Amino acid sequence: MAPAPPLPPPDVTVVTGAAGWLGRGLVHHLTRAEGPYVRPGVVRALVTSGVDAAALATQPRVEPVVGDITDRSSLTPLFAGLDGSIDVIHTAGVIHPRRIDEFEAVNVGGTATMLELAARHAARRFVHVSSNSPFGTNSHPGDCFRNDEPYHPYYGYGRSKMAAELAVFDAVASGLDAVIVRPPWFYGPHQPPRQTTFFKLVRTGRFPVIGHGDQMRSMVYVDNLVEGVVRAELVATPPGRGWWIADARPYAVSEIVDTVGRALRAEGFDVVPNRTRLPELAARMAEIADGMVQRTGRYNQQVHVLGEMGKSIACDISVARAELGYEPAVELEQGMRRSIRWCIEQGLEL
C-alpha cells in the first residue's frame, strides 16, 4: 500500500534544539527560498543562548526563543501568541555530557516537559527524534535492527532515550498525536567539533579501526534525516509509530574510513593511508571502562566512543520506505564531500 499523501504544513512549526546539528539543518530547509520542505508558516526555534538566537533571527520566518527544556518556566514564550495549527519537532538532547545526570534532566525530563506543553497547546503532531542507543548494538555484523526491535539500551544515553520514547508512548495513550524517528550516526553540514576531529583523524591516518573494520554501521546524511523527519511530521499515520531513518544501506567501518579518505582527496586534501588498527580487546576494555566511569556519575566521550567502535549498529529502513515514502537521496561519499566543503566554507581546519 502506498503512503498517504502528505498533509499541508502547519501554520507554526516549533523546533527544539534549533542550534544543534539536526536543528540547524532542519530550520535551514524549512525556511529556504525554495526546495521540497519549504513552508510559508512561522518556525518557532528554541535555542539556549542569545548568540544562537541572533544567528537564527536572520533567517526568514524564524522566531527564536531562548530557553532551556530542563527549566519549564523558560519555555512559556515558546508557545506564546501562536495561532493556527502547530507541529512540534523535538530534536533537543544531550549525547556527550559532562555528567550522567544530564541524560536524565535533558533527554527524559526535557522530553516529558515538551510533550506536556505540546498537548496543552493542542499540537497537531509531535515528532520525537530518538536514537539507535535504546536498542543497543547488533548481535553480529549481519544483523539489522527491525522496526519492532525490543529495547536493550546501551549505557546511560541509551537508557535515557528509551525512557524518553516510553514518555512519548504515554503521551500517545493520553491523546497526543506523537511519533518517533530513530536516526543512527549522522553526518553533513552544521556538524559539531567531534565530526571535524573525525575528518582530521582520517586525513592523518590515525582513525582507530577495530580489528578488520568489518563492523557494520548505518549512517544518515543530515538532508536524508530532514527528509525523514518532515515525512514523519506530515504523512498521516497512526500515533505512536516509530521509524528507522538512515541512508539506503549500512556501511562497514573500513568502507567508511576509505570513503572519507577518498572524499578528502577529491576536495584537495593530502590523506595519509589509514594504518591505525586496534585489537578487538581494546574496544572491549574501553567498553568495560566506560561502564565503570558512568557508574561513578561521570562521562568520558573518548572512552565511550572507542568502546562502541567494536560494535555493529545497523538498521532496516524498509518500514519508513513503505509507510512514509522515505527514500534517502544521498549516499556516503557524496554526503561526506558536501560536509567537507561546508567545513571549508566555515574556515574549519581539517
Foldseek 3Di string as FASTA:
>chain_A
DAFFDFAADWQEEEEEPLLAQLNVVLLCQQQDPDDDNHHPHAYEYEDADPVSQVVSVVTPRYHYQHDALLDLVSCVVSPPPDDTAYEYEYPDADDFDFWLVRLCSTLQSSLLSVLVVCVVSVHPEYEYEAELQQQPFDPDQVDAAEQPRDGDHQPSNNVSRVNSLVSQVVSVVVPHQYEYEYEYAEAFPSHDVVVVVVLVCLQALNDEQEDPQQAWEFYAYSVLVSLLRVLVRTGDDGGSGYFYGTAPFIDRRVVLSVLSNVLCVVVPGHGDHHPRYDYLVQLVVLSVVQVVQNVVRGGDVVSVVSVCSSGHHHHDGVVSCRHRVRHRDDDRNVRSNNRVVSCVVVVHDD
